[in-house]
C-alpha cells in the first residue's frame, strides 16, 4: 500500500506569516510608526472604546485607524465621525482574521505621517489570535456580558495580548461578573498582561488606558 503523505500546510503558512510580520515591524520602526492590534468578540465595544481612546490620545499623537471586517464600512465611518482622524476599511473577503501581508496592504494605503496606527481586527476570539499582524503590541477587549470565564475558554487570545481592557464594568452585578476572578484567570494565561477595567460608555478607566498606550509608544521609540 502506498504510504500516505502528510503535508503540514498550516505550519508553513504560519512560518511565512511570522517572517512577513517581523519585516513589517522593522519597516514600521524605521518610519517611527507604532501599530496597535486591537481584538475582541463582536459587541465587546471595540469601536466605542476606540473613539474614547483616540479623542484622549489625539491631543499629543497623530493617529490613523484601519478597520477590518468581512464586509461593510460602518465602523470606519463611526471612527471618522466620532474622532475626525483618518480611518480606512479593510474587507477581508470572508476571512475571519488579518495576517501581516493583509495588514501591510492596508498600511500602504495610509499616509504614514502618523505616530500611531490602530488596527481594529475582525471580531472573534479565535482566528485573530493565531496570526501575527506585525503589530508592535496586541490589545484585546473583554466585555462583562461575555462572562469572566473567557480566559479559560480562549487561552491563546489572552496569551498573545500585552494589554487587556475589561469593558462594561458598569454592569458587573447584572451579569455576576467577578473582576478579581477574571484577573486571576488572565494572569494564569499570561503573567505579563496588564489589565485595565473600563467603561467606554461613561469614560471610566479611559485615561489610565490611554496613558498606558502613551508609555508603550515612548518605550518603543527608544
N, C-alpha and C. Protein backbone atom coordinates (compact mmCIF):
# COMPACT_ATOMS: atom_id res chain seq x y z
N UNK A 1 0.84 -1.20 0.00
CA UNK A 1 0.00 0.00 0.00
C UNK A 1 0.88 1.25 0.00
N UNK A 2 0.51 2.22 -0.81
CA UNK A 2 1.29 3.45 -0.89
C UNK A 2 1.18 4.23 0.41
N UNK A 3 2.31 4.71 0.86
CA UNK A 3 2.33 5.48 2.10
C UNK A 3 1.60 6.82 1.90
N UNK A 4 0.79 7.17 2.87
CA UNK A 4 0.07 8.45 2.82
C UNK A 4 1.04 9.58 3.16
N UNK A 5 1.06 10.59 2.31
CA UNK A 5 1.95 11.73 2.53
C UNK A 5 1.19 12.85 3.22
N UNK A 6 1.71 13.29 4.36
CA UNK A 6 1.09 14.38 5.13
C UNK A 6 1.87 15.65 4.91
N UNK A 7 1.18 16.69 4.49
CA UNK A 7 1.83 17.98 4.25
C UNK A 7 1.36 18.97 5.30
N UNK A 8 2.29 19.55 6.04
CA UNK A 8 1.95 20.49 7.11
C UNK A 8 1.73 21.89 6.52
N UNK A 9 0.59 22.07 5.86
CA UNK A 9 0.31 23.36 5.22
C UNK A 9 0.15 24.46 6.26
N UNK A 10 -0.56 24.19 7.31
CA UNK A 10 -0.83 25.21 8.32
C UNK A 10 0.46 25.75 8.91
N UNK A 11 1.40 24.87 9.19
CA UNK A 11 2.66 25.29 9.77
C UNK A 11 3.42 26.20 8.83
N UNK A 12 3.46 25.86 7.56
CA UNK A 12 4.21 26.68 6.60
C UNK A 12 3.56 28.05 6.44
N UNK A 13 2.23 28.10 6.50
CA UNK A 13 1.54 29.39 6.42
C UNK A 13 1.93 30.26 7.60
N UNK A 14 1.94 29.69 8.79
CA UNK A 14 2.30 30.46 9.97
C UNK A 14 3.76 30.92 9.91
N UNK A 15 4.65 30.03 9.45
CA UNK A 15 6.06 30.40 9.36
C UNK A 15 6.28 31.55 8.40
N UNK A 16 5.62 31.51 7.25
CA UNK A 16 5.74 32.59 6.27
C UNK A 16 5.19 33.89 6.85
N UNK A 17 4.08 33.78 7.58
CA UNK A 17 3.48 34.98 8.15
C UNK A 17 4.38 35.60 9.21
N UNK A 18 5.06 34.77 9.99
CA UNK A 18 5.96 35.29 11.02
C UNK A 18 7.10 36.10 10.40
N UNK A 19 7.60 35.63 9.26
CA UNK A 19 8.65 36.37 8.55
C UNK A 19 8.11 37.71 8.06
N UNK A 20 6.91 37.68 7.46
CA UNK A 20 6.28 38.92 6.99
C UNK A 20 6.05 39.89 8.15
N UNK A 21 5.62 39.35 9.28
CA UNK A 21 5.33 40.19 10.44
C UNK A 21 6.60 40.85 10.97
N UNK A 22 7.69 40.10 11.06
CA UNK A 22 8.95 40.66 11.54
C UNK A 22 9.46 41.74 10.59
N UNK A 23 9.32 41.51 9.30
CA UNK A 23 9.75 42.51 8.32
C UNK A 23 8.90 43.78 8.43
N UNK A 24 7.61 43.60 8.67
CA UNK A 24 6.73 44.76 8.80
C UNK A 24 7.09 45.57 10.04
N UNK A 25 7.39 44.90 11.15
CA UNK A 25 7.77 45.61 12.37
C UNK A 25 9.04 46.42 12.16
N UNK A 26 9.99 45.85 11.43
CA UNK A 26 11.23 46.59 11.14
C UNK A 26 10.94 47.83 10.30
N UNK A 27 10.06 47.68 9.32
CA UNK A 27 9.69 48.81 8.46
C UNK A 27 8.99 49.90 9.27
N UNK A 28 8.10 49.50 10.16
CA UNK A 28 7.40 50.47 10.99
C UNK A 28 8.36 51.17 11.95
N UNK A 29 9.33 50.42 12.45
CA UNK A 29 10.32 51.01 13.36
C UNK A 29 11.12 52.09 12.64
N UNK A 30 11.51 51.82 11.40
CA UNK A 30 12.26 52.80 10.62
C UNK A 30 11.43 54.06 10.38
N UNK A 31 10.12 53.88 10.21
CA UNK A 31 9.24 55.02 9.93
C UNK A 31 8.70 55.66 11.21
N UNK A 32 9.06 55.07 12.36
CA UNK A 32 8.63 55.56 13.66
C UNK A 32 7.11 55.58 13.80
N UNK A 33 6.49 54.51 13.30
CA UNK A 33 5.04 54.36 13.38
C UNK A 33 4.74 53.18 14.30
N UNK A 34 3.94 53.42 15.34
CA UNK A 34 3.56 52.37 16.30
C UNK A 34 2.23 51.77 15.86
N UNK A 35 2.21 50.46 15.65
CA UNK A 35 1.00 49.76 15.24
C UNK A 35 0.43 48.97 16.41
N UNK A 36 -0.82 49.28 16.78
CA UNK A 36 -1.51 48.58 17.86
C UNK A 36 -2.62 47.72 17.27
N UNK A 37 -2.57 46.43 17.55
CA UNK A 37 -3.58 45.48 17.05
C UNK A 37 -4.63 45.27 18.14
N UNK A 38 -5.88 45.65 17.84
CA UNK A 38 -6.96 45.56 18.82
C UNK A 38 -7.92 44.44 18.43
N UNK A 39 -8.18 43.54 19.38
CA UNK A 39 -9.02 42.37 19.12
C UNK A 39 -10.10 42.25 20.18
N UNK A 40 -11.20 41.58 19.82
CA UNK A 40 -12.27 41.28 20.77
C UNK A 40 -13.35 40.49 20.06
N UNK A 41 -14.36 40.06 20.82
CA UNK A 41 -15.57 39.48 20.24
C UNK A 41 -16.42 40.59 19.63
N UNK A 42 -17.33 40.24 18.71
CA UNK A 42 -18.30 41.24 18.25
C UNK A 42 -19.14 41.74 19.43
N UNK A 43 -19.35 43.04 19.48
CA UNK A 43 -20.20 43.59 20.52
C UNK A 43 -19.50 43.88 21.83
N UNK A 44 -18.19 43.66 21.90
CA UNK A 44 -17.47 43.91 23.14
C UNK A 44 -17.23 45.39 23.38
N UNK A 45 -17.39 46.19 22.33
CA UNK A 45 -17.22 47.64 22.49
C UNK A 45 -15.93 48.18 21.91
N UNK A 46 -15.37 47.49 20.90
CA UNK A 46 -14.11 47.95 20.32
C UNK A 46 -14.22 49.37 19.77
N UNK A 47 -15.23 49.60 18.93
CA UNK A 47 -15.33 50.89 18.25
C UNK A 47 -15.63 52.01 19.24
N UNK A 48 -16.52 51.77 20.19
CA UNK A 48 -16.83 52.80 21.19
C UNK A 48 -15.61 53.10 22.04
N UNK A 49 -14.88 52.07 22.44
CA UNK A 49 -13.65 52.27 23.20
C UNK A 49 -12.62 53.04 22.39
N UNK A 50 -12.50 52.68 21.12
CA UNK A 50 -11.55 53.38 20.25
C UNK A 50 -11.86 54.87 20.15
N UNK A 51 -13.11 55.21 20.01
CA UNK A 51 -13.47 56.63 19.90
C UNK A 51 -13.05 57.38 21.16
N UNK A 52 -13.33 56.81 22.32
CA UNK A 52 -12.94 57.44 23.58
C UNK A 52 -11.41 57.54 23.67
N UNK A 53 -10.72 56.46 23.34
CA UNK A 53 -9.25 56.45 23.42
C UNK A 53 -8.62 57.46 22.47
N UNK A 54 -9.08 57.47 21.23
CA UNK A 54 -8.50 58.36 20.23
C UNK A 54 -8.70 59.82 20.61
N UNK A 55 -9.88 60.16 21.10
CA UNK A 55 -10.12 61.55 21.48
C UNK A 55 -9.24 61.97 22.66
N UNK A 56 -8.80 61.01 23.46
CA UNK A 56 -7.84 61.28 24.52
C UNK A 56 -6.42 61.38 23.98
N UNK A 57 -6.04 60.46 23.10
CA UNK A 57 -4.67 60.38 22.61
C UNK A 57 -4.33 61.42 21.54
N UNK A 58 -5.33 61.87 20.80
CA UNK A 58 -5.04 62.76 19.67
C UNK A 58 -4.57 64.14 20.09
N UNK A 59 -4.62 64.43 21.39
CA UNK A 59 -4.09 65.69 21.89
C UNK A 59 -2.60 65.81 21.63
N UNK A 60 -1.90 64.67 21.68
CA UNK A 60 -0.45 64.72 21.51
C UNK A 60 0.11 63.68 20.55
N UNK A 61 -0.76 62.96 19.85
CA UNK A 61 -0.32 61.96 18.88
C UNK A 61 -1.11 62.08 17.59
N UNK A 62 -0.42 61.89 16.46
CA UNK A 62 -1.12 61.79 15.17
C UNK A 62 -1.55 60.35 14.98
N UNK A 63 -2.83 60.14 14.69
CA UNK A 63 -3.41 58.80 14.71
C UNK A 63 -4.15 58.50 13.42
N UNK A 64 -4.07 57.25 12.99
CA UNK A 64 -4.90 56.74 11.89
C UNK A 64 -5.44 55.38 12.32
N UNK A 65 -6.56 54.98 11.71
CA UNK A 65 -7.22 53.73 12.09
C UNK A 65 -7.49 52.88 10.86
N UNK A 66 -7.26 51.57 11.00
CA UNK A 66 -7.65 50.60 9.97
C UNK A 66 -8.70 49.68 10.57
N UNK A 67 -9.88 49.68 9.97
CA UNK A 67 -10.99 48.87 10.45
C UNK A 67 -11.12 47.63 9.58
N UNK A 68 -10.94 46.46 10.17
CA UNK A 68 -11.06 45.20 9.43
C UNK A 68 -12.42 44.58 9.67
N UNK A 69 -13.05 44.15 8.59
CA UNK A 69 -14.35 43.50 8.71
C UNK A 69 -14.58 42.63 7.48
N UNK A 70 -15.46 41.66 7.62
CA UNK A 70 -15.80 40.80 6.49
C UNK A 70 -16.47 41.62 5.39
N UNK A 71 -17.29 42.59 5.80
CA UNK A 71 -17.98 43.46 4.85
C UNK A 71 -18.43 44.72 5.58
N UNK A 72 -18.90 45.71 4.83
CA UNK A 72 -19.43 46.98 5.33
C UNK A 72 -18.32 47.95 5.72
N UNK A 73 -18.69 49.24 5.80
CA UNK A 73 -17.76 50.27 6.23
C UNK A 73 -18.32 51.04 7.42
N UNK A 74 -19.21 50.40 8.16
CA UNK A 74 -19.90 51.04 9.27
C UNK A 74 -18.92 51.55 10.32
N UNK A 75 -17.96 50.71 10.72
CA UNK A 75 -17.04 51.09 11.80
C UNK A 75 -16.11 52.23 11.39
N UNK A 76 -15.60 52.20 10.16
CA UNK A 76 -14.71 53.27 9.70
C UNK A 76 -15.44 54.61 9.71
N UNK A 77 -16.70 54.61 9.30
CA UNK A 77 -17.49 55.85 9.31
C UNK A 77 -17.68 56.33 10.74
N UNK A 78 -17.99 55.41 11.66
CA UNK A 78 -18.18 55.78 13.07
C UNK A 78 -16.91 56.40 13.65
N UNK A 79 -15.75 55.82 13.33
CA UNK A 79 -14.49 56.34 13.85
C UNK A 79 -14.23 57.75 13.32
N UNK A 80 -14.41 57.94 12.03
CA UNK A 80 -14.17 59.26 11.45
C UNK A 80 -15.13 60.30 12.02
N UNK A 81 -16.40 59.94 12.09
CA UNK A 81 -17.39 60.89 12.61
C UNK A 81 -17.18 61.18 14.09
N UNK A 82 -16.68 60.18 14.84
CA UNK A 82 -16.52 60.35 16.29
C UNK A 82 -15.22 60.98 16.72
N UNK A 83 -14.21 60.97 15.82
CA UNK A 83 -12.89 61.47 16.22
C UNK A 83 -12.27 62.46 15.24
N UNK A 84 -12.65 62.36 13.97
CA UNK A 84 -12.04 63.22 12.95
C UNK A 84 -10.73 62.71 12.41
N UNK A 85 -10.24 61.56 12.91
CA UNK A 85 -8.98 61.02 12.40
C UNK A 85 -9.25 60.18 11.16
N UNK A 86 -8.21 59.99 10.35
CA UNK A 86 -8.35 59.21 9.13
C UNK A 86 -8.62 57.74 9.47
N UNK A 87 -9.61 57.17 8.81
CA UNK A 87 -9.95 55.76 9.02
C UNK A 87 -10.23 55.12 7.67
N UNK A 88 -9.64 53.95 7.45
CA UNK A 88 -9.92 53.20 6.23
C UNK A 88 -10.48 51.84 6.61
N UNK A 89 -11.30 51.30 5.72
CA UNK A 89 -11.93 50.00 5.96
C UNK A 89 -11.20 48.93 5.17
N UNK A 90 -10.89 47.81 5.83
CA UNK A 90 -10.26 46.67 5.18
C UNK A 90 -11.28 45.54 5.11
N UNK A 91 -11.66 45.13 3.91
CA UNK A 91 -12.55 43.98 3.75
C UNK A 91 -11.72 42.72 3.59
N UNK A 92 -12.01 41.71 4.36
CA UNK A 92 -11.18 40.51 4.38
C UNK A 92 -11.66 39.45 3.40
N UNK A 93 -12.73 39.71 2.68
CA UNK A 93 -13.22 38.74 1.71
C UNK A 93 -13.71 37.46 2.35
N UNK A 94 -14.29 37.57 3.53
CA UNK A 94 -14.84 36.40 4.22
C UNK A 94 -13.90 35.79 5.24
N UNK A 95 -12.64 36.20 5.26
CA UNK A 95 -11.69 35.65 6.22
C UNK A 95 -11.93 36.26 7.59
N UNK A 96 -11.69 35.46 8.64
CA UNK A 96 -12.03 35.88 9.99
C UNK A 96 -10.85 36.48 10.75
N UNK A 97 -9.82 36.93 10.02
CA UNK A 97 -8.63 37.48 10.67
C UNK A 97 -7.86 38.33 9.66
N UNK A 98 -6.86 39.02 10.15
CA UNK A 98 -5.86 39.67 9.30
C UNK A 98 -4.51 39.03 9.59
N UNK A 99 -3.70 38.89 8.55
CA UNK A 99 -2.32 38.46 8.75
C UNK A 99 -1.41 39.64 8.42
N UNK A 100 -0.09 39.42 8.45
CA UNK A 100 0.85 40.52 8.26
C UNK A 100 0.79 41.12 6.85
N UNK A 101 0.62 40.28 5.83
CA UNK A 101 0.57 40.78 4.47
C UNK A 101 -0.69 41.62 4.24
N UNK A 102 -1.81 41.17 4.79
CA UNK A 102 -3.04 41.94 4.67
C UNK A 102 -2.92 43.27 5.41
N UNK A 103 -2.28 43.24 6.56
CA UNK A 103 -2.07 44.47 7.32
C UNK A 103 -1.20 45.44 6.54
N UNK A 104 -0.15 44.91 5.91
CA UNK A 104 0.75 45.77 5.12
C UNK A 104 0.01 46.41 3.96
N UNK A 105 -0.89 45.67 3.33
CA UNK A 105 -1.68 46.24 2.23
C UNK A 105 -2.50 47.43 2.72
N UNK A 106 -3.04 47.30 3.93
CA UNK A 106 -3.78 48.42 4.50
C UNK A 106 -2.89 49.61 4.79
N UNK A 107 -1.73 49.34 5.38
CA UNK A 107 -0.79 50.42 5.71
C UNK A 107 -0.30 51.14 4.46
N UNK A 108 -0.15 50.39 3.37
CA UNK A 108 0.31 51.01 2.11
C UNK A 108 -0.70 52.01 1.58
N UNK A 109 -1.95 51.91 2.04
CA UNK A 109 -2.99 52.85 1.59
C UNK A 109 -3.22 53.98 2.59
N UNK A 110 -2.38 54.04 3.62
CA UNK A 110 -2.44 55.14 4.57
C UNK A 110 -1.26 56.08 4.33
N UNK A 111 -1.46 57.34 4.63
CA UNK A 111 -0.34 58.27 4.66
C UNK A 111 0.31 58.11 6.02
N UNK A 112 1.50 57.53 6.05
CA UNK A 112 2.11 57.16 7.32
C UNK A 112 2.85 58.31 8.00
N UNK A 113 2.34 59.52 7.86
CA UNK A 113 2.85 60.65 8.62
C UNK A 113 2.10 60.70 9.94
N UNK A 114 2.16 59.59 10.67
CA UNK A 114 1.43 59.46 11.93
C UNK A 114 2.33 58.83 12.98
N UNK A 115 1.93 58.96 14.23
CA UNK A 115 2.65 58.33 15.33
C UNK A 115 2.08 56.96 15.68
N UNK A 116 0.77 56.83 15.50
CA UNK A 116 0.07 55.63 15.95
C UNK A 116 -0.96 55.20 14.91
N UNK A 117 -0.90 53.93 14.53
CA UNK A 117 -1.95 53.32 13.71
C UNK A 117 -2.61 52.24 14.55
N UNK A 118 -3.93 52.33 14.66
CA UNK A 118 -4.68 51.31 15.40
C UNK A 118 -5.41 50.42 14.41
N UNK A 119 -5.16 49.14 14.51
CA UNK A 119 -5.82 48.15 13.66
C UNK A 119 -6.93 47.50 14.47
N UNK A 120 -8.17 47.73 14.09
CA UNK A 120 -9.29 47.04 14.73
C UNK A 120 -9.53 45.75 13.96
N UNK A 121 -9.11 44.65 14.53
CA UNK A 121 -9.15 43.36 13.85
C UNK A 121 -10.59 42.84 13.76
N UNK A 122 -10.76 41.79 12.98
CA UNK A 122 -12.08 41.16 12.83
C UNK A 122 -12.55 40.63 14.18
N UNK A 123 -13.84 40.76 14.46
CA UNK A 123 -14.36 40.43 15.78
C UNK A 123 -14.57 38.95 16.02
N UNK A 124 -13.62 38.32 16.68
CA UNK A 124 -13.79 36.99 17.27
C UNK A 124 -12.58 36.68 18.12
N UNK A 125 -12.68 35.68 18.98
CA UNK A 125 -11.62 35.40 19.94
C UNK A 125 -10.70 34.25 19.53
N UNK A 126 -10.83 33.78 18.28
CA UNK A 126 -10.03 32.63 17.86
C UNK A 126 -9.03 33.01 16.77
N UNK A 127 -9.50 33.20 15.55
CA UNK A 127 -8.60 33.40 14.40
C UNK A 127 -7.63 34.57 14.55
N UNK A 128 -8.07 35.75 14.98
CA UNK A 128 -7.13 36.87 15.06
C UNK A 128 -5.95 36.61 15.98
N UNK A 129 -6.15 35.78 17.00
CA UNK A 129 -5.07 35.48 17.93
C UNK A 129 -4.00 34.59 17.31
N UNK A 130 -4.33 33.87 16.24
CA UNK A 130 -3.41 32.91 15.64
C UNK A 130 -2.42 33.55 14.68
N UNK A 131 -2.73 34.75 14.19
CA UNK A 131 -1.91 35.36 13.14
C UNK A 131 -1.26 36.65 13.63
N UNK A 132 0.06 36.68 13.55
CA UNK A 132 0.83 37.88 13.88
C UNK A 132 0.61 38.91 12.77
N UNK A 133 0.11 40.09 13.14
CA UNK A 133 -0.16 41.12 12.13
C UNK A 133 1.04 42.02 11.86
N UNK A 134 2.09 41.85 12.65
CA UNK A 134 3.22 42.77 12.55
C UNK A 134 3.11 43.93 13.50
N UNK A 135 2.10 43.89 14.36
CA UNK A 135 1.88 44.98 15.32
C UNK A 135 2.98 45.04 16.36
N UNK A 136 3.19 46.25 16.89
CA UNK A 136 4.16 46.43 17.96
C UNK A 136 3.63 45.86 19.28
N UNK A 137 2.33 46.00 19.50
CA UNK A 137 1.68 45.45 20.69
C UNK A 137 0.28 44.96 20.33
N UNK A 138 -0.18 43.97 21.09
CA UNK A 138 -1.54 43.44 20.94
C UNK A 138 -2.38 43.84 22.15
N UNK A 139 -3.60 44.25 21.87
CA UNK A 139 -4.53 44.60 22.93
C UNK A 139 -5.87 43.93 22.65
N UNK A 140 -6.57 43.52 23.69
CA UNK A 140 -7.90 42.95 23.50
C UNK A 140 -8.87 43.57 24.47
N UNK A 141 -10.14 43.49 24.12
CA UNK A 141 -11.22 43.94 25.00
C UNK A 141 -12.08 42.74 25.34
N UNK A 142 -12.26 42.50 26.63
CA UNK A 142 -13.20 41.50 27.12
C UNK A 142 -14.35 42.27 27.76
N UNK A 143 -15.57 42.03 27.32
CA UNK A 143 -16.71 42.74 27.89
C UNK A 143 -17.38 41.90 28.97
N UNK A 144 -17.90 42.56 29.96
CA UNK A 144 -18.53 41.89 31.10
C UNK A 144 -19.62 40.90 30.69
N UNK A 145 -20.51 41.24 29.74
CA UNK A 145 -21.57 40.28 29.38
C UNK A 145 -21.05 38.95 28.82
N UNK A 146 -19.81 38.93 28.35
CA UNK A 146 -19.25 37.68 27.82
C UNK A 146 -18.95 36.67 28.92
N UNK A 147 -18.79 37.14 30.15
CA UNK A 147 -18.51 36.24 31.26
C UNK A 147 -17.05 36.26 31.68
N UNK A 148 -16.81 35.95 32.96
CA UNK A 148 -15.45 36.02 33.48
C UNK A 148 -14.64 34.74 33.26
N UNK A 149 -15.23 33.77 32.54
CA UNK A 149 -14.53 32.51 32.28
C UNK A 149 -13.81 32.49 30.92
N UNK A 150 -13.88 33.56 30.16
CA UNK A 150 -13.35 33.54 28.80
C UNK A 150 -11.84 33.28 28.71
N UNK A 151 -11.02 33.72 29.68
CA UNK A 151 -9.59 33.37 29.59
C UNK A 151 -9.35 31.86 29.65
N UNK A 152 -10.27 31.11 30.26
CA UNK A 152 -10.14 29.66 30.31
C UNK A 152 -10.56 29.02 29.00
N UNK A 153 -11.55 29.61 28.32
CA UNK A 153 -12.10 29.03 27.10
C UNK A 153 -11.32 29.42 25.84
N UNK A 154 -10.69 30.60 25.86
CA UNK A 154 -9.96 31.10 24.69
C UNK A 154 -8.54 31.50 25.11
N UNK A 155 -7.74 30.54 25.53
CA UNK A 155 -6.43 30.86 26.14
C UNK A 155 -5.48 31.60 25.22
N UNK A 156 -5.44 31.26 23.93
CA UNK A 156 -4.45 31.87 23.05
C UNK A 156 -4.65 33.37 22.95
N UNK A 157 -5.89 33.84 22.88
CA UNK A 157 -6.14 35.26 22.78
C UNK A 157 -5.51 36.01 23.94
N UNK A 158 -5.65 35.47 25.13
CA UNK A 158 -5.11 36.14 26.31
C UNK A 158 -3.59 35.96 26.41
N UNK A 159 -3.08 34.88 25.85
CA UNK A 159 -1.63 34.66 25.86
C UNK A 159 -0.87 35.64 24.97
N UNK A 160 -1.49 36.05 23.86
CA UNK A 160 -0.77 36.89 22.91
C UNK A 160 -0.95 38.39 23.18
N UNK A 161 -1.82 38.75 24.12
CA UNK A 161 -2.11 40.17 24.33
C UNK A 161 -1.28 40.77 25.45
N UNK A 162 -0.76 41.96 25.17
CA UNK A 162 0.02 42.71 26.16
C UNK A 162 -0.89 43.51 27.08
N UNK A 163 -2.03 43.93 26.55
CA UNK A 163 -2.98 44.76 27.30
C UNK A 163 -4.37 44.12 27.19
N UNK A 164 -5.06 44.01 28.32
CA UNK A 164 -6.43 43.52 28.33
C UNK A 164 -7.31 44.58 28.99
N UNK A 165 -8.25 45.11 28.22
CA UNK A 165 -9.22 46.05 28.77
C UNK A 165 -10.52 45.29 29.06
N UNK A 166 -11.02 45.43 30.26
CA UNK A 166 -12.28 44.78 30.64
C UNK A 166 -13.36 45.85 30.58
N UNK A 167 -14.20 45.77 29.56
CA UNK A 167 -15.17 46.83 29.28
C UNK A 167 -16.55 46.51 29.88
N UNK A 168 -17.34 47.56 30.02
CA UNK A 168 -18.73 47.48 30.53
C UNK A 168 -18.77 47.10 32.01
N UNK A 169 -17.83 47.66 32.76
CA UNK A 169 -17.78 47.37 34.20
C UNK A 169 -18.98 47.95 34.94
N UNK A 170 -19.76 48.79 34.26
CA UNK A 170 -20.95 49.35 34.89
C UNK A 170 -22.05 48.31 35.09
N UNK A 171 -21.92 47.16 34.43
CA UNK A 171 -22.99 46.15 34.57
C UNK A 171 -22.45 44.83 35.13
N UNK A 172 -21.43 44.90 35.97
CA UNK A 172 -20.86 43.67 36.54
C UNK A 172 -21.85 42.92 37.43
N UNK A 173 -22.61 43.65 38.24
CA UNK A 173 -23.55 42.99 39.14
C UNK A 173 -24.65 42.28 38.36
N UNK A 174 -25.09 42.89 37.27
CA UNK A 174 -26.17 42.32 36.47
C UNK A 174 -25.77 40.96 35.90
N UNK A 175 -24.46 40.82 35.57
CA UNK A 175 -24.00 39.58 34.94
C UNK A 175 -23.19 38.69 35.89
N UNK A 176 -23.21 39.03 37.17
CA UNK A 176 -22.49 38.23 38.17
C UNK A 176 -21.03 38.02 37.75
N UNK A 177 -20.41 39.11 37.34
CA UNK A 177 -19.03 39.08 36.82
C UNK A 177 -18.08 39.40 37.95
N UNK A 178 -17.12 38.51 38.21
CA UNK A 178 -16.15 38.67 39.30
C UNK A 178 -14.84 39.21 38.73
N UNK A 179 -14.54 40.48 39.02
CA UNK A 179 -13.36 41.12 38.46
C UNK A 179 -12.07 40.49 38.96
N UNK A 180 -12.01 40.18 40.25
CA UNK A 180 -10.79 39.55 40.79
C UNK A 180 -10.58 38.17 40.18
N UNK A 181 -11.67 37.44 39.99
CA UNK A 181 -11.55 36.10 39.42
C UNK A 181 -11.02 36.14 37.99
N UNK A 182 -11.57 37.06 37.17
CA UNK A 182 -11.13 37.13 35.78
C UNK A 182 -9.68 37.61 35.69
N UNK A 183 -9.27 38.49 36.58
CA UNK A 183 -7.87 38.92 36.61
C UNK A 183 -6.96 37.73 36.90
N UNK A 184 -7.40 36.88 37.83
CA UNK A 184 -6.61 35.69 38.15
C UNK A 184 -6.51 34.75 36.97
N UNK A 185 -7.62 34.54 36.25
CA UNK A 185 -7.61 33.69 35.07
C UNK A 185 -6.68 34.25 33.99
N UNK A 186 -6.73 35.56 33.81
CA UNK A 186 -5.87 36.19 32.78
C UNK A 186 -4.40 35.99 33.14
N UNK A 187 -4.07 36.18 34.40
CA UNK A 187 -2.68 36.03 34.83
C UNK A 187 -2.21 34.58 34.72
N UNK A 188 -3.14 33.62 34.86
CA UNK A 188 -2.78 32.22 34.65
C UNK A 188 -2.32 32.00 33.22
N UNK A 189 -2.97 32.67 32.29
CA UNK A 189 -2.65 32.53 30.87
C UNK A 189 -1.45 33.37 30.47
N UNK A 190 -1.31 34.53 31.10
CA UNK A 190 -0.29 35.48 30.65
C UNK A 190 0.08 36.40 31.81
N UNK A 191 1.17 36.10 32.47
CA UNK A 191 1.58 36.85 33.64
C UNK A 191 1.92 38.31 33.31
N UNK A 192 2.39 38.56 32.08
CA UNK A 192 2.84 39.92 31.73
C UNK A 192 1.71 40.83 31.27
N UNK A 193 0.53 40.28 31.05
CA UNK A 193 -0.59 41.10 30.57
C UNK A 193 -0.98 42.15 31.61
N UNK A 194 -1.18 43.38 31.16
CA UNK A 194 -1.63 44.45 32.04
C UNK A 194 -3.14 44.63 31.83
N UNK A 195 -3.88 44.72 32.92
CA UNK A 195 -5.34 44.68 32.89
C UNK A 195 -5.92 46.03 33.29
N UNK A 196 -6.88 46.52 32.49
CA UNK A 196 -7.47 47.83 32.72
C UNK A 196 -9.01 47.73 32.69
N UNK A 197 -9.66 47.78 33.84
CA UNK A 197 -11.13 47.83 33.85
C UNK A 197 -11.60 49.19 33.31
N UNK A 198 -12.54 49.18 32.39
CA UNK A 198 -13.02 50.42 31.78
C UNK A 198 -14.53 50.36 31.56
N UNK A 199 -15.09 51.53 31.32
CA UNK A 199 -16.46 51.63 30.83
C UNK A 199 -16.43 52.64 29.69
N UNK A 200 -16.45 52.16 28.47
CA UNK A 200 -16.37 53.05 27.31
C UNK A 200 -17.57 53.98 27.25
N UNK A 201 -18.69 53.54 27.82
CA UNK A 201 -19.92 54.35 27.77
C UNK A 201 -19.77 55.64 28.55
N UNK A 202 -19.20 55.57 29.76
CA UNK A 202 -19.08 56.79 30.58
C UNK A 202 -17.64 57.28 30.74
N UNK A 203 -16.68 56.55 30.16
CA UNK A 203 -15.30 57.02 30.16
C UNK A 203 -14.44 56.55 31.32
N UNK A 204 -15.00 55.78 32.23
CA UNK A 204 -14.20 55.29 33.35
C UNK A 204 -13.03 54.43 32.88
N UNK A 205 -11.84 54.74 33.40
CA UNK A 205 -10.65 53.95 33.08
C UNK A 205 -9.98 54.31 31.77
N UNK A 206 -10.58 55.19 30.97
CA UNK A 206 -10.01 55.52 29.66
C UNK A 206 -8.70 56.30 29.81
N UNK A 207 -8.63 57.22 30.79
CA UNK A 207 -7.39 57.97 31.00
C UNK A 207 -6.23 57.04 31.30
N UNK A 208 -6.47 56.07 32.18
CA UNK A 208 -5.40 55.13 32.55
C UNK A 208 -4.97 54.29 31.36
N UNK A 209 -5.94 53.84 30.57
CA UNK A 209 -5.63 53.03 29.39
C UNK A 209 -4.88 53.85 28.35
N UNK A 210 -5.30 55.08 28.13
CA UNK A 210 -4.62 55.96 27.17
C UNK A 210 -3.18 56.24 27.62
N UNK A 211 -2.99 56.45 28.90
CA UNK A 211 -1.63 56.70 29.40
C UNK A 211 -0.74 55.48 29.26
N UNK A 212 -1.33 54.29 29.38
CA UNK A 212 -0.57 53.06 29.16
C UNK A 212 -0.07 53.00 27.72
N UNK A 213 -0.94 53.34 26.78
CA UNK A 213 -0.55 53.33 25.36
C UNK A 213 0.53 54.37 25.10
N UNK A 214 0.41 55.53 25.72
CA UNK A 214 1.46 56.56 25.58
C UNK A 214 2.81 56.03 26.07
N UNK A 215 2.79 55.35 27.20
CA UNK A 215 4.03 54.79 27.74
C UNK A 215 4.63 53.74 26.82
N UNK A 216 3.77 52.90 26.24
CA UNK A 216 4.25 51.87 25.32
C UNK A 216 4.92 52.51 24.10
N UNK A 217 4.31 53.55 23.56
CA UNK A 217 4.88 54.23 22.39
C UNK A 217 6.21 54.87 22.75
N UNK A 218 6.27 55.52 23.90
CA UNK A 218 7.51 56.17 24.35
C UNK A 218 8.63 55.15 24.52
N UNK A 219 8.31 54.02 25.14
CA UNK A 219 9.31 52.97 25.35
C UNK A 219 9.76 52.37 24.02
N UNK A 220 8.82 52.15 23.12
CA UNK A 220 9.13 51.56 21.81
C UNK A 220 10.04 52.47 20.99
N UNK A 221 9.86 53.78 21.13
CA UNK A 221 10.67 54.72 20.36
C UNK A 221 12.13 54.71 20.82
N UNK A 222 12.39 54.23 22.02
CA UNK A 222 13.77 54.17 22.50
C UNK A 222 14.56 53.13 21.70
